[in-house]
Amino acid sequence: MVKIFIGGFPLQTDELTIVQLFAPFGDVSTIKIVRDRATGICKGYAFVEMLELAAAQNAAEALNGTEMGDRELKVNLVEEKPVAPVYKRVVRNNNFAPEKAKRPRRRI
């Protein structure tokens, strides 16, 4: 699957409208409109996943710079970041060390 960034669309746009925008180019797998956590208001950008790379490239080329309402769309393919290797941290357990003998306090 290929992830596509789409930004600059009107804030009232819903998922169905974006899917209809990308559907002529190929099958849309998922869509995620990014919203503010507290208010639920759209932030003006979304991510769409398409099944085929060629369809995603065609959609990005055709839709980038087009106008939707009174705004200009920005459509780009998202480059997948390589996954960083996971290193295991070695934890040393010092519980097996013999306890030091405590010296009694001196009273004066």
PDB file of N, CA and C in Angstrom:
ATOM      1  N   MET A   1       0.829  -1.175   0.000  1.00  0.00           N
ATOM      2  CA  MET A   1       0.000   0.000   0.000  1.00  0.00           C
ATOM      3  C   MET A   1       0.874   1.240   0.000  1.00  0.00           C
ATOM      4  N   VAL A   2       0.344   2.279  -0.609  1.00  0.00           N
ATOM      5  CA  VAL A   2       1.074   3.536  -0.738  1.00  0.00           C
ATOM      6  C   VAL A   2       0.303   4.614   0.004  1.00  0.00           C
ATOM      7  N   LYS A   3       1.003   5.336   0.878  1.00  0.00           N
ATOM      8  CA  LYS A   3       0.364   6.398   1.655  1.00  0.00           C
ATOM      9  C   LYS A   3       0.542   7.730   0.936  1.00  0.00           C
ATOM     10  N   ILE A   4      -0.547   8.510   0.908  1.00  0.00           N
ATOM     11  CA  ILE A   4      -0.564   9.811   0.239  1.00  0.00           C
ATOM     12  C   ILE A   4      -0.987  10.870   1.242  1.00  0.00           C
ATOM     13  N   PHE A   5      -0.273  11.985   1.244  1.00  0.00           N
ATOM     14  CA  PHE A   5      -0.639  13.144   2.057  1.00  0.00           C
ATOM     15  C   PHE A   5      -1.480  14.067   1.205  1.00  0.00           C
ATOM     16  N   ILE A   6      -2.594  14.535   1.750  1.00  0.00           N
ATOM     17  CA  ILE A   6      -3.412  15.525   1.075  1.00  0.00           C
ATOM     18  C   ILE A   6      -3.685  16.653   2.064  1.00  0.00           C
ATOM     19  N   GLY A   7      -3.326  17.849   1.678  1.00  0.00           N
ATOM     20  CA  GLY A   7      -3.496  18.991   2.562  1.00  0.00           C
ATOM     21  C   GLY A   7      -4.098  20.175   1.828  1.00  0.00           C
ATOM     22  N   GLY A   8      -4.592  21.116   2.594  1.00  0.00           N
ATOM     23  CA  GLY A   8      -5.124  22.337   2.032  1.00  0.00           C
ATOM     24  C   GLY A   8      -6.582  22.271   1.622  1.00  0.00           C
ATOM     25  N   PHE A   9      -7.281  21.230   1.984  1.00  0.00           N
ATOM     26  CA  PHE A   9      -8.699  21.156   1.607  1.00  0.00           C
ATOM     27  C   PHE A   9      -9.546  21.916   2.618  1.00  0.00           C
ATOM     28  N   PRO A  10     -10.768  22.317   2.237  1.00  0.00           N
ATOM     29  CA  PRO A  10     -11.636  23.045   3.168  1.00  0.00           C
ATOM     30  C   PRO A  10     -11.918  22.224   4.428  1.00  0.00           C
ATOM     31  N   LEU A  11     -12.043  22.884   5.548  1.00  0.00           N
ATOM     32  CA  LEU A  11     -12.199  22.208   6.836  1.00  0.00           C
ATOM     33  C   LEU A  11     -13.510  21.451   6.961  1.00  0.00           C
ATOM     34  N   GLN A  12     -14.498  21.770   6.145  1.00  0.00           N
ATOM     35  CA  GLN A  12     -15.785  21.081   6.209  1.00  0.00           C
ATOM     36  C   GLN A  12     -15.783  19.777   5.405  1.00  0.00           C
ATOM     37  N   THR A  13     -14.704  19.458   4.729  1.00  0.00           N
ATOM     38  CA  THR A  13     -14.615  18.275   3.886  1.00  0.00           C
ATOM     39  C   THR A  13     -14.694  17.018   4.745  1.00  0.00           C
ATOM     40  N   ASP A  14     -15.449  16.026   4.267  1.00  0.00           N
ATOM     41  CA  ASP A  14     -15.563  14.763   4.995  1.00  0.00           C
ATOM     42  C   ASP A  14     -14.834  13.653   4.235  1.00  0.00           C
ATOM     43  N   GLU A  15     -14.785  12.471   4.846  1.00  0.00           N
ATOM     44  CA  GLU A  15     -14.061  11.334   4.286  1.00  0.00           C
ATOM     45  C   GLU A  15     -14.606  10.918   2.927  1.00  0.00           C
ATOM     46  N   LEU A  16     -15.929  10.927   2.780  1.00  0.00           N
ATOM     47  CA  LEU A  16     -16.552  10.496   1.534  1.00  0.00           C
ATOM     48  C   LEU A  16     -16.124  11.380   0.369  1.00  0.00           C
ATOM     49  N   THR A  17     -16.044  12.673   0.580  1.00  0.00           N
ATOM     50  CA  THR A  17     -15.636  13.602  -0.472  1.00  0.00           C
ATOM     51  C   THR A  17     -14.204  13.323  -0.923  1.00  0.00           C
ATOM     52  N   ILE A  18     -13.320  13.042   0.023  1.00  0.00           N
ATOM     53  CA  ILE A  18     -11.921  12.766  -0.331  1.00  0.00           C
ATOM     54  C   ILE A  18     -11.809  11.439  -1.065  1.00  0.00           C
ATOM     55  N   VAL A  19     -12.551  10.432  -0.626  1.00  0.00           N
ATOM     56  CA  VAL A  19     -12.526   9.144  -1.310  1.00  0.00           C
ATOM     57  C   VAL A  19     -13.036   9.311  -2.742  1.00  0.00           C
ATOM     58  N   GLN A  20     -14.086  10.088  -2.935  1.00  0.00           N
ATOM     59  CA  GLN A  20     -14.614  10.322  -4.281  1.00  0.00           C
ATOM     60  C   GLN A  20     -13.598  11.065  -5.148  1.00  0.00           C
ATOM     61  N   LEU A  21     -12.750  11.857  -4.542  1.00  0.00           N
ATOM     62  CA  LEU A  21     -11.718  12.581  -5.265  1.00  0.00           C
ATOM     63  C   LEU A  21     -10.641  11.624  -5.786  1.00  0.00           C
ATOM     64  N   PHE A  22     -10.304  10.603  -4.992  1.00  0.00           N
ATOM     65  CA  PHE A  22      -9.235   9.666  -5.352  1.00  0.00           C
ATOM     66  C   PHE A  22      -9.728   8.425  -6.089  1.00  0.00           C
ATOM     67  N   ALA A  23     -10.988   8.105  -5.999  1.00  0.00           N
ATOM     68  CA  ALA A  23     -11.531   6.868  -6.576  1.00  0.00           C
ATOM     69  C   ALA A  23     -11.297   6.720  -8.077  1.00  0.00           C
ATOM     70  N   PRO A  24     -11.373   7.764  -8.893  1.00  0.00           N
ATOM     71  CA  PRO A  24     -11.138   7.567 -10.329  1.00  0.00           C
ATOM     72  C   PRO A  24      -9.731   7.065 -10.671  1.00  0.00           C
ATOM     73  N   PHE A  25      -8.786   7.208  -9.762  1.00  0.00           N
ATOM     74  CA  PHE A  25      -7.406   6.808 -10.037  1.00  0.00           C
ATOM     75  C   PHE A  25      -7.101   5.386  -9.598  1.00  0.00           C
ATOM     76  N   GLY A  26      -7.901   4.824  -8.700  1.00  0.00           N
ATOM     77  CA  GLY A  26      -7.661   3.467  -8.217  1.00  0.00           C
ATOM     78  C   GLY A  26      -8.387   3.206  -6.912  1.00  0.00           C
ATOM     79  N   ASP A  27      -8.146   2.021  -6.380  1.00  0.00           N
ATOM     80  CA  ASP A  27      -8.818   1.613  -5.147  1.00  0.00           C
ATOM     81  C   ASP A  27      -8.203   2.301  -3.937  1.00  0.00           C
ATOM     82  N   VAL A  28      -9.070   2.929  -3.131  1.00  0.00           N
ATOM     83  CA  VAL A  28      -8.644   3.565  -1.893  1.00  0.00           C
ATOM     84  C   VAL A  28      -8.816   2.558  -0.764  1.00  0.00           C
ATOM     85  N   SER A  29      -7.747   2.303  -0.038  1.00  0.00           N
ATOM     86  CA  SER A  29      -7.784   1.327   1.043  1.00  0.00           C
ATOM     87  C   SER A  29      -8.273   1.957   2.343  1.00  0.00           C
ATOM     88  N   THR A  30      -7.604   3.025   2.780  1.00  0.00           N
ATOM     89  CA  THR A  30      -7.992   3.691   4.027  1.00  0.00           C
ATOM     90  C   THR A  30      -7.870   5.194   3.859  1.00  0.00           C
ATOM     91  N   ILE A  31      -8.559   5.906   4.742  1.00  0.00           N
ATOM     92  CA  ILE A  31      -8.462   7.365   4.786  1.00  0.00           C
ATOM     93  C   ILE A  31      -8.501   7.792   6.236  1.00  0.00           C
ATOM     94  N   LYS A  32      -7.685   8.778   6.565  1.00  0.00           N
ATOM     95  CA  LYS A  32      -7.639   9.299   7.924  1.00  0.00           C
ATOM     96  C   LYS A  32      -7.534  10.812   7.857  1.00  0.00           C
ATOM     97  N   ILE A  33      -8.633  11.499   8.217  1.00  0.00           N
ATOM     98  CA  ILE A  33      -8.596  12.948   8.326  1.00  0.00           C
ATOM     99  C   ILE A  33      -8.084  13.281   9.726  1.00  0.00           C
ATOM    100  N   VAL A  34      -7.063  14.121   9.797  1.00  0.00           N
ATOM    101  CA  VAL A  34      -6.461  14.473  11.077  1.00  0.00           C
ATOM    102  C   VAL A  34      -7.311  15.572  11.716  1.00  0.00           C
ATOM    103  N   ARG A  35      -7.708  15.318  12.958  1.00  0.00           N
ATOM    104  CA  ARG A  35      -8.567  16.249  13.693  1.00  0.00           C
ATOM    105  C   ARG A  35      -7.919  16.623  15.020  1.00  0.00           C
ATOM    106  N   ASP A  36      -8.314  17.779  15.538  1.00  0.00           N
ATOM    107  CA  ASP A  36      -7.859  18.233  16.845  1.00  0.00           C
ATOM    108  C   ASP A  36      -8.424  17.297  17.908  1.00  0.00           C
ATOM    109  N   ARG A  37      -7.609  16.858  18.832  1.00  0.00           N
ATOM    110  CA  ARG A  37      -8.068  15.907  19.848  1.00  0.00           C
ATOM    111  C   ARG A  37      -9.135  16.494  20.764  1.00  0.00           C
ATOM    112  N   ALA A  38      -8.963  17.730  21.138  1.00  0.00           N
ATOM    113  CA  ALA A  38      -9.884  18.334  22.103  1.00  0.00           C
ATOM    114  C   ALA A  38     -11.218  18.715  21.466  1.00  0.00           C
ATOM    115  N   THR A  39     -11.170  19.310  20.283  1.00  0.00           N
ATOM    116  CA  THR A  39     -12.400  19.838  19.686  1.00  0.00           C
ATOM    117  C   THR A  39     -12.986  18.954  18.597  1.00  0.00           C
ATOM    118  N   GLY A  40     -12.173  18.099  17.995  1.00  0.00           N
ATOM    119  CA  GLY A  40     -12.655  17.255  16.906  1.00  0.00           C
ATOM    120  C   GLY A  40     -12.730  17.984  15.573  1.00  0.00           C
ATOM    121  N   ILE A  41     -12.243  19.209  15.522  1.00  0.00           N
ATOM    122  CA  ILE A  41     -12.278  20.000  14.287  1.00  0.00           C
ATOM    123  C   ILE A  41     -11.128  19.559  13.379  1.00  0.00           C
ATOM    124  N   CYS A  42     -11.422  19.459  12.096  1.00  0.00           N
ATOM    125  CA  CYS A  42     -10.446  19.062  11.088  1.00  0.00           C
ATOM    126  C   CYS A  42      -9.289  20.051  11.052  1.00  0.00           C
ATOM    127  N   LYS A  43      -8.057  19.520  10.918  1.00  0.00           N
ATOM    128  CA  LYS A  43      -6.876  20.374  10.844  1.00  0.00           C
ATOM    129  C   LYS A  43      -6.523  20.752   9.406  1.00  0.00           C
ATOM    130  N   GLY A  44      -7.246  20.210   8.433  1.00  0.00           N
ATOM    131  CA  GLY A  44      -7.016  20.592   7.043  1.00  0.00           C
ATOM    132  C   GLY A  44      -6.094  19.682   6.275  1.00  0.00           C
ATOM    133  N   TYR A  45      -5.747  18.535   6.844  1.00  0.00           N
ATOM    134  CA  TYR A  45      -4.957  17.570   6.085  1.00  0.00           C
ATOM    135  C   TYR A  45      -5.379  16.156   6.442  1.00  0.00           C
ATOM    136  N   ALA A  46      -5.028  15.235   5.549  1.00  0.00           N
ATOM    137  CA  ALA A  46      -5.441  13.844   5.721  1.00  0.00           C
ATOM    138  C   ALA A  46      -4.410  12.930   5.069  1.00  0.00           C
ATOM    139  N   PHE A  47      -4.552  11.639   5.343  1.00  0.00           N
ATOM    140  CA  PHE A  47      -3.724  10.619   4.723  1.00  0.00           C
ATOM    141  C   PHE A  47      -4.635   9.592   4.072  1.00  0.00           C
ATOM    142  N   VAL A  48      -4.312   9.253   2.831  1.00  0.00           N
ATOM    143  CA  VAL A  48      -5.068   8.265   2.067  1.00  0.00           C
ATOM    144  C   VAL A  48      -4.102   7.152   1.702  1.00  0.00           C
ATOM    145  N   GLU A  49      -4.550   5.906   1.793  1.00  0.00           N
ATOM    146  CA  GLU A  49      -3.738   4.778   1.351  1.00  0.00           C
ATOM    147  C   GLU A  49      -4.402   4.142   0.147  1.00  0.00           C
ATOM    148  N   MET A  50      -3.606   3.964  -0.914  1.00  0.00           N
ATOM    149  CA  MET A  50      -4.080   3.312  -2.122  1.00  0.00           C
ATOM    150  C   MET A  50      -3.313   2.009  -2.305  1.00  0.00           C
ATOM    151  N   LEU A  51      -3.942   1.070  -3.005  1.00  0.00           N
ATOM    152  CA  LEU A  51      -3.357  -0.253  -3.132  1.00  0.00           C
ATOM    153  C   LEU A  51      -2.162  -0.300  -4.082  1.00  0.00           C
ATOM    154  N   GLU A  52      -2.197   0.488  -5.165  1.00  0.00           N
ATOM    155  CA  GLU A  52      -1.156   0.392  -6.184  1.00  0.00           C
ATOM    156  C   GLU A  52      -0.333   1.671  -6.265  1.00  0.00           C
ATOM    157  N   LEU A  53       0.962   1.521  -6.475  1.00  0.00           N
ATOM    158  CA  LEU A  53       1.879   2.650  -6.572  1.00  0.00           C
ATOM    159  C   LEU A  53       1.566   3.516  -7.785  1.00  0.00           C
ATOM    160  N   ALA A  54       1.296   2.900  -8.922  1.00  0.00           N
ATOM    161  CA  ALA A  54       1.019   3.662 -10.144  1.00  0.00           C
ATOM    162  C   ALA A  54      -0.232   4.519  -9.979  1.00  0.00           C
ATOM    163  N   ALA A  55      -1.262   3.971  -9.359  1.00  0.00           N
ATOM    164  CA  ALA A  55      -2.498   4.724  -9.131  1.00  0.00           C
ATOM    165  C   ALA A  55      -2.247   5.894  -8.191  1.00  0.00           C
ATOM    166  N   ALA A  56      -1.444   5.675  -7.168  1.00  0.00           N
ATOM    167  CA  ALA A  56      -1.136   6.736  -6.210  1.00  0.00           C
ATOM    168  C   ALA A  56      -0.333   7.848  -6.880  1.00  0.00           C
ATOM    169  N   GLN A  57       0.632   7.485  -7.721  1.00  0.00           N
ATOM    170  CA  GLN A  57       1.423   8.493  -8.423  1.00  0.00           C
ATOM    171  C   GLN A  57       0.555   9.300  -9.378  1.00  0.00           C
ATOM    172  N   ASN A  58      -0.341   8.627 -10.102  1.00  0.00           N
ATOM    173  CA  ASN A  58      -1.245   9.328 -11.015  1.00  0.00           C
ATOM    174  C   ASN A  58      -2.149  10.293 -10.253  1.00  0.00           C
ATOM    175  N   ALA A  59      -2.674   9.861  -9.131  1.00  0.00           N
ATOM    176  CA  ALA A  59      -3.552  10.713  -8.322  1.00  0.00           C
ATOM    177  C   ALA A  59      -2.792  11.926  -7.802  1.00  0.00           C
ATOM    178  N   ALA A  60      -1.576  11.708  -7.314  1.00  0.00           N
ATOM    179  CA  ALA A  60      -0.784  12.816  -6.772  1.00  0.00           C
ATOM    180  C   ALA A  60      -0.461  13.833  -7.867  1.00  0.00           C
ATOM    181  N   GLU A  61      -0.096  13.363  -9.046  1.00  0.00           N
ATOM    182  CA  GLU A  61       0.231  14.278 -10.143  1.00  0.00           C
ATOM    183  C   GLU A  61      -0.996  15.050 -10.611  1.00  0.00           C
ATOM    184  N   ALA A  62      -2.123  14.364 -10.700  1.00  0.00           N
ATOM    185  CA  ALA A  62      -3.326  15.002 -11.215  1.00  0.00           C
ATOM    186  C   ALA A  62      -3.956  15.964 -10.209  1.00  0.00           C
ATOM    187  N   LEU A  63      -3.918  15.637  -8.930  1.00  0.00           N
ATOM    188  CA  LEU A  63      -4.635  16.428  -7.927  1.00  0.00           C
ATOM    189  C   LEU A  63      -3.794  17.521  -7.280  1.00  0.00           C
ATOM    190  N   ASN A  64      -2.479  17.402  -7.326  1.00  0.00           N
ATOM    191  CA  ASN A  64      -1.631  18.410  -6.689  1.00  0.00           C
ATOM    192  C   ASN A  64      -1.799  19.753  -7.397  1.00  0.00           C
ATOM    193  N   GLY A  65      -2.132  20.788  -6.638  1.00  0.00           N
ATOM    194  CA  GLY A  65      -2.296  22.125  -7.189  1.00  0.00           C
ATOM    195  C   GLY A  65      -3.702  22.443  -7.673  1.00  0.00           C
ATOM    196  N   THR A  66      -4.599  21.471  -7.665  1.00  0.00           N
ATOM    197  CA  THR A  66      -5.974  21.753  -8.083  1.00  0.00           C
ATOM    198  C   THR A  66      -6.708  22.488  -6.971  1.00  0.00           C
ATOM    199  N   GLU A  67      -7.761  23.183  -7.344  1.00  0.00           N
ATOM    200  CA  GLU A  67      -8.528  23.936  -6.355  1.00  0.00           C
ATOM    201  C   GLU A  67      -9.733  23.136  -5.891  1.00  0.00           C
ATOM    202  N   MET A  68      -9.973  23.210  -4.599  1.00  0.00           N
ATOM    203  CA  MET A  68     -11.140  22.577  -3.988  1.00  0.00           C
ATOM    204  C   MET A  68     -11.786  23.653  -3.126  1.00  0.00           C
ATOM    205  N   GLY A  69     -12.942  24.103  -3.550  1.00  0.00           N
ATOM    206  CA  GLY A  69     -13.543  25.244  -2.877  1.00  0.00           C
ATOM    207  C   GLY A  69     -12.708  26.473  -3.175  1.00  0.00           C
ATOM    208  N   ASP A  70     -12.280  27.161  -2.153  1.00  0.00           N
ATOM    209  CA  ASP A  70     -11.434  28.340  -2.345  1.00  0.00           C
ATOM    210  C   ASP A  70      -9.980  28.074  -1.969  1.00  0.00           C
ATOM    211  N   ARG A  71      -9.608  26.794  -1.854  1.00  0.00           N
ATOM    212  CA  ARG A  71      -8.261  26.440  -1.416  1.00  0.00           C
ATOM    213  C   ARG A  71      -7.565  25.570  -2.452  1.00  0.00           C
ATOM    214  N   GLU A  72      -6.242  25.555  -2.399  1.00  0.00           N
ATOM    215  CA  GLU A  72      -5.430  24.764  -3.328  1.00  0.00           C
ATOM    216  C   GLU A  72      -4.928  23.510  -2.621  1.00  0.00           C
ATOM    217  N   LEU A  73      -5.119  22.366  -3.263  1.00  0.00           N
ATOM    218  CA  LEU A  73      -4.712  21.089  -2.672  1.00  0.00           C
ATOM    219  C   LEU A  73      -3.212  20.870  -2.827  1.00  0.00           C
ATOM    220  N   LYS A  74      -2.644  20.252  -1.822  1.00  0.00           N
ATOM    221  CA  LYS A  74      -1.260  19.783  -1.873  1.00  0.00           C
ATOM    222  C   LYS A  74      -1.315  18.277  -1.696  1.00  0.00           C
ATOM    223  N   VAL A  75      -0.881  17.549  -2.705  1.00  0.00           N
ATOM    224  CA  VAL A  75      -0.961  16.091  -2.682  1.00  0.00           C
ATOM    225  C   VAL A  75       0.429  15.536  -2.965  1.00  0.00           C
ATOM    226  N   ASN A  76       0.952  14.741  -2.037  1.00  0.00           N
ATOM    227  CA  ASN A  76       2.289  14.150  -2.168  1.00  0.00           C
ATOM    228  C   ASN A  76       2.277  12.722  -1.675  1.00  0.00           C
ATOM    229  N   LEU A  77       3.147  11.907  -2.261  1.00  0.00           N
ATOM    230  CA  LEU A  77       3.354  10.559  -1.737  1.00  0.00           C
ATOM    231  C   LEU A  77       4.185  10.660  -0.470  1.00  0.00           C
ATOM    232  N   VAL A  78       3.868   9.838   0.508  1.00  0.00           N
ATOM    233  CA  VAL A  78       4.601   9.821   1.772  1.00  0.00           C
ATOM    234  C   VAL A  78       5.682   8.758   1.679  1.00  0.00           C
ATOM    235  N   GLU A  79       6.910   9.169   1.926  1.00  0.00           N
ATOM    236  CA  GLU A  79       8.004   8.212   1.918  1.00  0.00           C
ATOM    237  C   GLU A  79       8.001   7.457   3.232  1.00  0.00           C
ATOM    238  N   GLU A  80       8.035   6.154   3.135  1.00  0.00           N
ATOM    239  CA  GLU A  80       8.068   5.323   4.341  1.00  0.00           C
ATOM    240  C   GLU A  80       9.453   5.399   4.958  1.00  0.00           C
ATOM    241  N   LYS A  81       9.497   5.704   6.239  1.00  0.00           N
ATOM    242  CA  LYS A  81      10.762   5.761   6.952  1.00  0.00           C
ATOM    243  C   LYS A  81      11.196   4.340   7.300  1.00  0.00           C
ATOM    244  N   PRO A  82      12.475   4.049   7.162  1.00  0.00           N
ATOM    245  CA  PRO A  82      12.924   2.720   7.560  1.00  0.00           C
ATOM    246  C   PRO A  82      12.771   2.539   9.066  1.00  0.00           C
ATOM    247  N   VAL A  83      12.424   1.347   9.441  1.00  0.00           N
ATOM    248  CA  VAL A  83      12.234   1.052  10.852  1.00  0.00           C
ATOM    249  C   VAL A  83      13.593   0.884  11.510  1.00  0.00           C
ATOM    250  N   ALA A  84      13.806   1.597  12.575  1.00  0.00           N
ATOM    251  CA  ALA A  84      15.078   1.525  13.291  1.00  0.00           C
ATOM    252  C   ALA A  84      15.189   0.183  14.007  1.00  0.00           C
ATOM    253  N   PRO A  85      16.370  -0.398  14.028  1.00  0.00           N
ATOM    254  CA  PRO A  85      16.524  -1.669  14.732  1.00  0.00           C
ATOM    255  C   PRO A  85      16.301  -1.494  16.228  1.00  0.00           C
ATOM    256  N   VAL A  86      15.785  -2.512  16.831  1.00  0.00           N
ATOM    257  CA  VAL A  86      15.513  -2.479  18.262  1.00  0.00           C
ATOM    258  C   VAL A  86      16.680  -3.159  18.980  1.00  0.00           C
ATOM    259  N   TYR A  87      17.260  -2.424  19.882  1.00  0.00           N
ATOM    260  CA  TYR A  87      18.362  -2.976  20.654  1.00  0.00           C
ATOM    261  C   TYR A  87      17.860  -3.328  22.045  1.00  0.00           C
ATOM    262  N   LYS A  88      18.302  -4.477  22.516  1.00  0.00           N
ATOM    263  CA  LYS A  88      17.927  -4.882  23.867  1.00  0.00           C
ATOM    264  C   LYS A  88      18.903  -4.255  24.848  1.00  0.00           C
ATOM    265  N   ARG A  89      18.334  -3.723  25.890  1.00  0.00           N
ATOM    266  CA  ARG A  89      19.154  -3.109  26.922  1.00  0.00           C
ATOM    267  C   ARG A  89      19.517  -4.168  27.950  1.00  0.00           C
ATOM    268  N   VAL A  90      20.779  -4.250  28.261  1.00  0.00           N
ATOM    269  CA  VAL A  90      21.250  -5.217  29.245  1.00  0.00           C
ATOM    270  C   VAL A  90      21.100  -4.584  30.618  1.00  0.00           C
ATOM    271  N   VAL A  91      20.344  -5.253  31.463  1.00  0.00           N
ATOM    272  CA  VAL A  91      20.139  -4.758  32.816  1.00  0.00           C
ATOM    273  C   VAL A  91      20.951  -5.629  33.753  1.00  0.00           C
ATOM    274  N   ARG A  92      21.782  -4.983  34.517  1.00  0.00           N
ATOM    275  CA  ARG A  92      22.599  -5.723  35.468  1.00  0.00           C
ATOM    276  C   ARG A  92      21.891  -5.724  36.810  1.00  0.00           C
ATOM    277  N   ASN A  93      21.827  -6.850  37.384  1.00  0.00           N
ATOM    278  CA  ASN A  93      21.155  -6.988  38.663  1.00  0.00           C
ATOM    279  C   ASN A  93      22.218  -7.084  39.754  1.00  0.00           C
ATOM    280  N   ASN A  94      22.290  -6.079  40.565  1.00  0.00           N
ATOM    281  CA  ASN A  94      23.293  -6.056  41.634  1.00  0.00           C
ATOM    282  C   ASN A  94      22.747  -6.615  42.941  1.00  0.00           C
ATOM    283  N   ASN A  95      21.623  -7.259  42.909  1.00  0.00           N
ATOM    284  CA  ASN A  95      21.045  -7.811  44.126  1.00  0.00           C
ATOM    285  C   ASN A  95      21.845  -8.989  44.672  1.00  0.00           C
ATOM    286  N   PHE A  96      22.712  -9.548  43.858  1.00  0.00           N
ATOM    287  CA  PHE A  96      23.457 -10.710  44.293  1.00  0.00           C
ATOM    288  C   PHE A  96      24.760 -10.344  44.984  1.00  0.00           C
ATOM    289  N   ALA A  97      25.097  -9.080  45.028  1.00  0.00           N
ATOM    290  CA  ALA A  97      26.320  -8.657  45.685  1.00  0.00           C
ATOM    291  C   ALA A  97      26.131  -8.750  47.195  1.00  0.00           C
ATOM    292  N   PRO A  98      27.154  -9.202  47.898  1.00  0.00           N
ATOM    293  CA  PRO A  98      27.016  -9.292  49.354  1.00  0.00           C
ATOM    294  C   PRO A  98      26.873  -7.895  49.958  1.00  0.00           C
ATOM    295  N   GLU A  99      26.036  -7.796  50.966  1.00  0.00           N
ATOM    296  CA  GLU A  99      25.825  -6.506  51.608  1.00  0.00           C
ATOM    297  C   GLU A  99      27.045  -6.142  52.438  1.00  0.00           C
ATOM    298  N   LYS A 100      27.315  -4.874  52.472  1.00  0.00           N
ATOM    299  CA  LYS A 100      28.423  -4.400  53.289  1.00  0.00           C
ATOM    300  C   LYS A 100      27.957  -4.355  54.733  1.00  0.00           C
ATOM    301  N   ALA A 101      28.862  -4.705  55.606  1.00  0.00           N
ATOM    302  CA  ALA A 101      28.525  -4.671  57.023  1.00  0.00           C
ATOM    303  C   ALA A 101      28.422  -3.204  57.452  1.00  0.00           C
ATOM    304  N   LYS A 102      27.339  -2.909  58.156  1.00  0.00           N
ATOM    305  CA  LYS A 102      27.134  -1.539  58.637  1.00  0.00           C
ATOM    306  C   LYS A 102      27.890  -1.366  59.938  1.00  0.00           C
ATOM    307  N   ARG A 103      28.546  -0.236  60.028  1.00  0.00           N
ATOM    308  CA  ARG A 103      29.267   0.059  61.240  1.00  0.00           C
ATOM    309  C   ARG A 103      28.308   0.672  62.226  1.00  0.00           C
ATOM    310  N   PRO A 104      28.432   0.289  63.475  1.00  0.00           N
ATOM    311  CA  PRO A 104      27.544   0.886  64.481  1.00  0.00           C
ATOM    312  C   PRO A 104      27.871   2.357  64.664  1.00  0.00           C
ATOM    313  N   ARG A 105      26.849   3.110  64.983  1.00  0.00           N
ATOM    314  CA  ARG A 105      27.047   4.534  65.225  1.00  0.00           C
ATOM    315  C   ARG A 105      27.744   4.735  66.559  1.00  0.00           C
ATOM    316  N   ARG A 106      28.560   5.685  66.588  1.00  0.00           N
ATOM    317  CA  ARG A 106      29.252   5.991  67.838  1.00  0.00           C
ATOM    318  C   ARG A 106      28.459   7.015  68.601  1.00  0.00           C
ATOM    319  N   ARG A 107      28.265   6.769  69.836  1.00  0.00           N
ATOM    320  CA  ARG A 107      27.546   7.740  70.683  1.00  0.00           C
ATOM    321  C   ARG A 107      28.553   8.420  71.584  1.00  0.00           C
ATOM    322  N   ILE A 108      28.398   9.660  71.688  1.00  0.00           N
ATOM    323  CA  ILE A 108      29.334  10.426  72.508  1.00  0.00           C
ATOM    324  C   ILE A 108      28.645  10.890  73.760  1.00  0.00           C
TER     325      ILE A 108
END
